[in-house]
Amino acid sequence: QVQLVESGGGLVQAGGSLRLSCAAEGSTFSIYAMAWYRQAPGKQRELIAYITSDFSTTYADSVKGRFTISRDNAKNAMYLQMNSLKPEDTAVYYCNTPYGSSFHYAWGQGTQVTVSS
């Protein structure tokens, strides 16, 4: 099964920044819209940002203006630059295609982001 590998998480103080990476196997990565999700303890997984195959981006209101999604199709990679982090951004972050897509990768392990106040 095609793998997704998320990395770049860590512990950061409120107001700090992190850059997450998502690496995908397979030669068809570039044709799919891709998304970042997060799941906080006791909460459902939520989609926070996605980027289409032609680089159009959309953000959830909770991260708009603070997070930036990007992709490098030549590297089969996607990124999430997170600035002005808040304690409520604490969650495990995952990448995958957006909900409703015709194709989904198997979920990876995610990467933990912890923001201290």
N, C-alpha and C. Protein backbone atom coordinates (compact mmCIF):
# COMPACT_ATOMS: atom_id res chain seq x y z
N GLN A 1 0.84 -1.18 0.00
CA GLN A 1 0.00 0.00 0.00
C GLN A 1 0.88 1.25 0.00
N VAL A 2 0.42 2.29 -0.67
CA VAL A 2 1.21 3.51 -0.76
C VAL A 2 1.29 4.16 0.61
N GLN A 3 2.49 4.59 0.96
CA GLN A 3 2.73 5.14 2.28
C GLN A 3 2.78 6.66 2.26
N LEU A 4 2.29 7.23 3.35
CA LEU A 4 2.48 8.64 3.63
C LEU A 4 3.30 8.75 4.90
N VAL A 5 4.27 9.64 4.90
CA VAL A 5 5.11 9.83 6.09
C VAL A 5 5.12 11.30 6.45
N GLU A 6 4.60 11.60 7.64
CA GLU A 6 4.59 12.97 8.14
C GLU A 6 5.77 13.17 9.08
N SER A 7 6.33 14.36 9.07
CA SER A 7 7.45 14.66 9.95
C SER A 7 7.49 16.16 10.24
N GLY A 8 8.31 16.53 11.21
CA GLY A 8 8.53 17.93 11.50
C GLY A 8 7.85 18.45 12.74
N GLY A 9 7.06 17.61 13.39
CA GLY A 9 6.39 18.05 14.61
C GLY A 9 7.36 18.22 15.76
N GLY A 10 6.84 18.72 16.86
CA GLY A 10 7.67 18.90 18.04
C GLY A 10 6.97 19.74 19.08
N LEU A 11 7.74 20.14 20.07
CA LEU A 11 7.24 20.99 21.16
C LEU A 11 7.72 22.41 20.92
N VAL A 12 6.79 23.34 20.95
CA VAL A 12 7.14 24.74 20.68
C VAL A 12 6.32 25.63 21.61
N GLN A 13 6.84 26.77 21.95
CA GLN A 13 6.10 27.72 22.76
C GLN A 13 5.07 28.47 21.92
N ALA A 14 4.04 28.95 22.56
CA ALA A 14 3.04 29.75 21.87
C ALA A 14 3.71 30.93 21.17
N GLY A 15 3.29 31.16 19.94
CA GLY A 15 3.90 32.21 19.13
C GLY A 15 5.00 31.71 18.23
N GLY A 16 5.43 30.49 18.44
CA GLY A 16 6.50 29.93 17.66
C GLY A 16 6.05 29.37 16.32
N SER A 17 7.00 28.74 15.62
CA SER A 17 6.73 28.21 14.29
C SER A 17 7.26 26.79 14.14
N LEU A 18 6.62 26.05 13.27
CA LEU A 18 7.08 24.72 12.86
C LEU A 18 6.77 24.54 11.39
N ARG A 19 7.54 23.68 10.74
CA ARG A 19 7.26 23.33 9.34
C ARG A 19 7.12 21.82 9.25
N LEU A 20 5.93 21.38 8.89
CA LEU A 20 5.66 19.97 8.73
C LEU A 20 5.89 19.55 7.28
N SER A 21 6.29 18.29 7.13
CA SER A 21 6.50 17.72 5.80
C SER A 21 5.67 16.45 5.65
N CYS A 22 5.26 16.20 4.43
CA CYS A 22 4.52 14.97 4.10
C CYS A 22 5.17 14.39 2.85
N ALA A 23 5.65 13.17 2.97
CA ALA A 23 6.28 12.50 1.84
C ALA A 23 5.38 11.36 1.39
N ALA A 24 5.16 11.28 0.10
CA ALA A 24 4.27 10.25 -0.45
C ALA A 24 5.02 9.40 -1.47
N GLU A 25 4.76 8.11 -1.43
CA GLU A 25 5.31 7.23 -2.44
C GLU A 25 4.44 7.30 -3.69
N GLY A 26 4.98 6.86 -4.80
CA GLY A 26 4.17 6.71 -5.99
C GLY A 26 4.34 7.86 -6.97
N SER A 27 4.14 7.56 -8.21
CA SER A 27 4.36 8.54 -9.28
C SER A 27 3.13 9.38 -9.58
N THR A 28 1.99 9.08 -8.92
CA THR A 28 0.77 9.80 -9.25
C THR A 28 0.45 10.89 -8.25
N PHE A 29 1.34 11.19 -7.32
CA PHE A 29 1.11 12.19 -6.28
C PHE A 29 0.65 13.51 -6.88
N SER A 30 1.27 13.93 -7.97
CA SER A 30 1.02 15.26 -8.51
C SER A 30 -0.40 15.46 -9.02
N ILE A 31 -1.12 14.41 -9.30
CA ILE A 31 -2.46 14.58 -9.87
C ILE A 31 -3.53 14.76 -8.82
N TYR A 32 -3.17 14.53 -7.54
CA TYR A 32 -4.17 14.60 -6.48
C TYR A 32 -4.11 15.90 -5.71
N ALA A 33 -5.27 16.42 -5.34
CA ALA A 33 -5.30 17.42 -4.30
C ALA A 33 -4.84 16.75 -3.01
N MET A 34 -4.16 17.50 -2.16
CA MET A 34 -3.66 16.96 -0.90
C MET A 34 -4.08 17.88 0.23
N ALA A 35 -4.17 17.29 1.41
CA ALA A 35 -4.67 18.05 2.55
C ALA A 35 -3.89 17.74 3.81
N TRP A 36 -3.91 18.69 4.71
CA TRP A 36 -3.44 18.47 6.07
C TRP A 36 -4.65 18.37 7.00
N TYR A 37 -4.56 17.41 7.90
CA TYR A 37 -5.58 17.21 8.92
C TYR A 37 -4.90 17.27 10.28
N ARG A 38 -5.70 17.43 11.31
CA ARG A 38 -5.19 17.30 12.66
C ARG A 38 -6.25 16.70 13.57
N GLN A 39 -5.76 16.02 14.59
CA GLN A 39 -6.66 15.41 15.56
C GLN A 39 -6.15 15.69 16.96
N ALA A 40 -6.91 16.47 17.68
CA ALA A 40 -6.57 16.78 19.06
C ALA A 40 -7.15 15.69 19.97
N PRO A 41 -6.61 15.53 21.16
CA PRO A 41 -7.11 14.50 22.08
C PRO A 41 -8.60 14.65 22.33
N GLY A 42 -9.32 13.55 22.17
CA GLY A 42 -10.75 13.55 22.42
C GLY A 42 -11.59 14.20 21.34
N LYS A 43 -10.98 14.59 20.24
CA LYS A 43 -11.72 15.25 19.17
C LYS A 43 -11.58 14.48 17.87
N GLN A 44 -12.49 14.76 16.93
CA GLN A 44 -12.42 14.12 15.63
C GLN A 44 -11.32 14.75 14.78
N ARG A 45 -10.85 13.97 13.84
CA ARG A 45 -9.89 14.48 12.88
C ARG A 45 -10.54 15.56 12.02
N GLU A 46 -9.87 16.68 11.86
CA GLU A 46 -10.42 17.78 11.07
C GLU A 46 -9.45 18.18 9.97
N LEU A 47 -10.01 18.53 8.82
CA LEU A 47 -9.22 19.02 7.70
C LEU A 47 -8.95 20.50 7.94
N ILE A 48 -7.69 20.90 7.87
CA ILE A 48 -7.35 22.29 8.14
C ILE A 48 -6.84 23.05 6.91
N ALA A 49 -6.38 22.34 5.91
CA ALA A 49 -5.88 23.02 4.71
C ALA A 49 -5.76 22.01 3.58
N TYR A 50 -6.01 22.47 2.36
CA TYR A 50 -5.73 21.60 1.23
C TYR A 50 -5.22 22.41 0.05
N ILE A 51 -4.54 21.69 -0.83
CA ILE A 51 -3.93 22.29 -2.02
C ILE A 51 -4.25 21.41 -3.21
N THR A 52 -4.73 22.03 -4.27
CA THR A 52 -5.11 21.25 -5.45
C THR A 52 -3.88 20.94 -6.30
N SER A 53 -4.11 20.16 -7.34
CA SER A 53 -3.00 19.78 -8.22
C SER A 53 -2.44 21.00 -8.95
N ASP A 54 -3.25 22.05 -9.09
CA ASP A 54 -2.74 23.28 -9.72
C ASP A 54 -2.47 24.37 -8.70
N PHE A 55 -2.22 23.94 -7.46
CA PHE A 55 -1.67 24.79 -6.39
C PHE A 55 -2.64 25.81 -5.80
N SER A 56 -3.92 25.66 -6.05
CA SER A 56 -4.90 26.49 -5.36
C SER A 56 -5.03 26.00 -3.92
N THR A 57 -5.15 26.93 -2.97
CA THR A 57 -5.16 26.56 -1.56
C THR A 57 -6.43 27.04 -0.86
N THR A 58 -6.80 26.27 0.17
CA THR A 58 -7.96 26.60 1.00
C THR A 58 -7.62 26.27 2.44
N TYR A 59 -8.09 27.12 3.36
CA TYR A 59 -7.76 26.95 4.78
C TYR A 59 -9.01 26.99 5.64
N ALA A 60 -8.97 26.25 6.72
CA ALA A 60 -9.99 26.37 7.74
C ALA A 60 -9.82 27.72 8.44
N ASP A 61 -10.91 28.27 8.93
CA ASP A 61 -10.85 29.57 9.58
C ASP A 61 -9.88 29.57 10.77
N SER A 62 -9.77 28.43 11.43
CA SER A 62 -8.93 28.35 12.63
C SER A 62 -7.45 28.54 12.34
N VAL A 63 -7.03 28.34 11.11
CA VAL A 63 -5.60 28.45 10.78
C VAL A 63 -5.32 29.50 9.71
N LYS A 64 -6.35 30.07 9.15
CA LYS A 64 -6.18 31.04 8.06
C LYS A 64 -5.34 32.21 8.53
N GLY A 65 -4.37 32.59 7.73
CA GLY A 65 -3.49 33.70 8.05
C GLY A 65 -2.27 33.31 8.88
N ARG A 66 -2.28 32.10 9.42
CA ARG A 66 -1.15 31.64 10.24
C ARG A 66 -0.41 30.47 9.60
N PHE A 67 -1.15 29.62 8.90
CA PHE A 67 -0.56 28.43 8.28
C PHE A 67 -0.51 28.61 6.77
N THR A 68 0.51 28.01 6.16
CA THR A 68 0.65 28.04 4.70
C THR A 68 0.95 26.64 4.19
N ILE A 69 0.11 26.16 3.29
CA ILE A 69 0.30 24.84 2.69
C ILE A 69 1.00 25.02 1.35
N SER A 70 1.89 24.08 1.03
CA SER A 70 2.58 24.12 -0.25
C SER A 70 2.92 22.69 -0.65
N ARG A 71 3.34 22.52 -1.90
CA ARG A 71 3.70 21.19 -2.38
C ARG A 71 4.83 21.31 -3.38
N ASP A 72 5.59 20.22 -3.48
CA ASP A 72 6.66 20.10 -4.47
C ASP A 72 6.44 18.76 -5.16
N ASN A 73 5.80 18.80 -6.30
CA ASN A 73 5.44 17.55 -6.98
C ASN A 73 6.67 16.79 -7.44
N ALA A 74 7.75 17.48 -7.76
CA ALA A 74 8.97 16.79 -8.19
C ALA A 74 9.53 15.92 -7.08
N LYS A 75 9.24 16.28 -5.84
CA LYS A 75 9.72 15.51 -4.69
C LYS A 75 8.62 14.67 -4.05
N ASN A 76 7.44 14.66 -4.66
CA ASN A 76 6.30 13.95 -4.04
C ASN A 76 6.13 14.39 -2.59
N ALA A 77 6.17 15.68 -2.36
CA ALA A 77 6.15 16.19 -0.99
C ALA A 77 5.18 17.36 -0.85
N MET A 78 4.68 17.50 0.37
CA MET A 78 3.80 18.59 0.72
C MET A 78 4.26 19.14 2.06
N TYR A 79 3.99 20.41 2.30
CA TYR A 79 4.49 21.06 3.51
C TYR A 79 3.38 21.88 4.17
N LEU A 80 3.58 22.13 5.46
CA LEU A 80 2.69 23.04 6.18
C LEU A 80 3.56 23.92 7.06
N GLN A 81 3.68 25.18 6.69
CA GLN A 81 4.38 26.15 7.51
C GLN A 81 3.38 26.71 8.51
N MET A 82 3.70 26.54 9.79
CA MET A 82 2.80 26.96 10.86
C MET A 82 3.46 28.07 11.66
N ASN A 83 2.88 29.23 11.64
CA ASN A 83 3.39 30.39 12.38
C ASN A 83 2.38 30.81 13.44
N SER A 84 2.84 31.61 14.37
CA SER A 84 1.98 32.14 15.43
C SER A 84 1.18 31.02 16.09
N LEU A 85 1.86 29.96 16.43
CA LEU A 85 1.18 28.79 16.99
C LEU A 85 0.54 29.09 18.33
N LYS A 86 -0.59 28.44 18.56
CA LYS A 86 -1.37 28.61 19.77
C LYS A 86 -1.50 27.26 20.48
N PRO A 87 -1.74 27.25 21.78
CA PRO A 87 -1.93 25.98 22.48
C PRO A 87 -3.04 25.13 21.86
N GLU A 88 -4.07 25.75 21.31
CA GLU A 88 -5.15 24.98 20.69
C GLU A 88 -4.76 24.34 19.37
N ASP A 89 -3.56 24.61 18.89
CA ASP A 89 -3.05 23.91 17.71
C ASP A 89 -2.43 22.57 18.06
N THR A 90 -2.33 22.28 19.35
CA THR A 90 -1.78 21.00 19.79
C THR A 90 -2.63 19.85 19.27
N ALA A 91 -1.99 18.93 18.55
CA ALA A 91 -2.70 17.82 17.91
C ALA A 91 -1.68 16.94 17.20
N VAL A 92 -2.16 15.79 16.75
CA VAL A 92 -1.39 14.98 15.81
C VAL A 92 -1.81 15.43 14.40
N TYR A 93 -0.84 15.72 13.57
CA TYR A 93 -1.09 16.22 12.23
C TYR A 93 -0.83 15.12 11.21
N TYR A 94 -1.76 15.00 10.27
CA TYR A 94 -1.72 13.97 9.23
C TYR A 94 -1.87 14.63 7.85
N CYS A 95 -1.40 13.92 6.84
CA CYS A 95 -1.67 14.35 5.47
C CYS A 95 -2.39 13.23 4.73
N ASN A 96 -3.14 13.62 3.74
CA ASN A 96 -3.86 12.67 2.89
C ASN A 96 -4.59 13.48 1.82
N THR A 97 -5.29 12.81 0.96
CA THR A 97 -6.14 13.54 0.02
C THR A 97 -7.36 14.08 0.79
N PRO A 98 -8.02 15.10 0.28
CA PRO A 98 -9.17 15.68 0.99
C PRO A 98 -10.34 14.71 1.09
N TYR A 99 -11.17 14.89 2.10
CA TYR A 99 -12.41 14.12 2.19
C TYR A 99 -13.20 14.29 0.89
N GLY A 100 -13.77 13.19 0.44
CA GLY A 100 -14.56 13.22 -0.79
C GLY A 100 -13.76 12.95 -2.04
N SER A 101 -12.45 12.80 -1.90
CA SER A 101 -11.62 12.49 -3.06
C SER A 101 -11.88 11.06 -3.53
N SER A 102 -11.60 10.82 -4.80
CA SER A 102 -11.81 9.48 -5.35
C SER A 102 -10.72 8.51 -4.91
N PHE A 103 -9.64 9.03 -4.37
CA PHE A 103 -8.52 8.21 -3.92
C PHE A 103 -8.04 8.69 -2.56
N HIS A 104 -7.79 7.74 -1.67
CA HIS A 104 -7.19 8.05 -0.37
C HIS A 104 -6.00 7.13 -0.15
N TYR A 105 -4.94 7.71 0.39
CA TYR A 105 -3.81 6.90 0.83
C TYR A 105 -4.18 6.24 2.16
N ALA A 106 -3.42 5.23 2.51
CA ALA A 106 -3.52 4.72 3.87
C ALA A 106 -3.00 5.80 4.81
N TRP A 107 -3.62 5.96 5.98
CA TRP A 107 -3.18 6.99 6.91
C TRP A 107 -1.79 6.65 7.46
N GLY A 108 -0.96 7.67 7.55
CA GLY A 108 0.34 7.48 8.16
C GLY A 108 0.26 7.58 9.68
N GLN A 109 1.41 7.64 10.32
CA GLN A 109 1.46 7.71 11.78
C GLN A 109 1.18 9.11 12.30
N GLY A 110 1.30 10.08 11.44
CA GLY A 110 1.11 11.45 11.89
C GLY A 110 2.35 11.98 12.59
N THR A 111 2.33 13.27 12.88
CA THR A 111 3.42 13.90 13.61
C THR A 111 2.81 14.78 14.69
N GLN A 112 3.32 14.63 15.91
CA GLN A 112 2.76 15.32 17.06
C GLN A 112 3.26 16.76 17.13
N VAL A 113 2.33 17.68 17.28
CA VAL A 113 2.66 19.09 17.51
C VAL A 113 2.10 19.46 18.88
N THR A 114 2.96 19.96 19.73
CA THR A 114 2.55 20.39 21.06
C THR A 114 2.97 21.84 21.26
N VAL A 115 2.00 22.68 21.57
CA VAL A 115 2.27 24.11 21.77
C VAL A 115 2.01 24.44 23.23
N SER A 116 3.06 24.89 23.89
CA SER A 116 2.93 25.23 25.31
C SER A 116 2.59 26.71 25.47
N SER A 117 1.87 27.00 26.54
CA SER A 117 1.46 28.39 26.77
C SER A 117 2.47 29.13 27.60
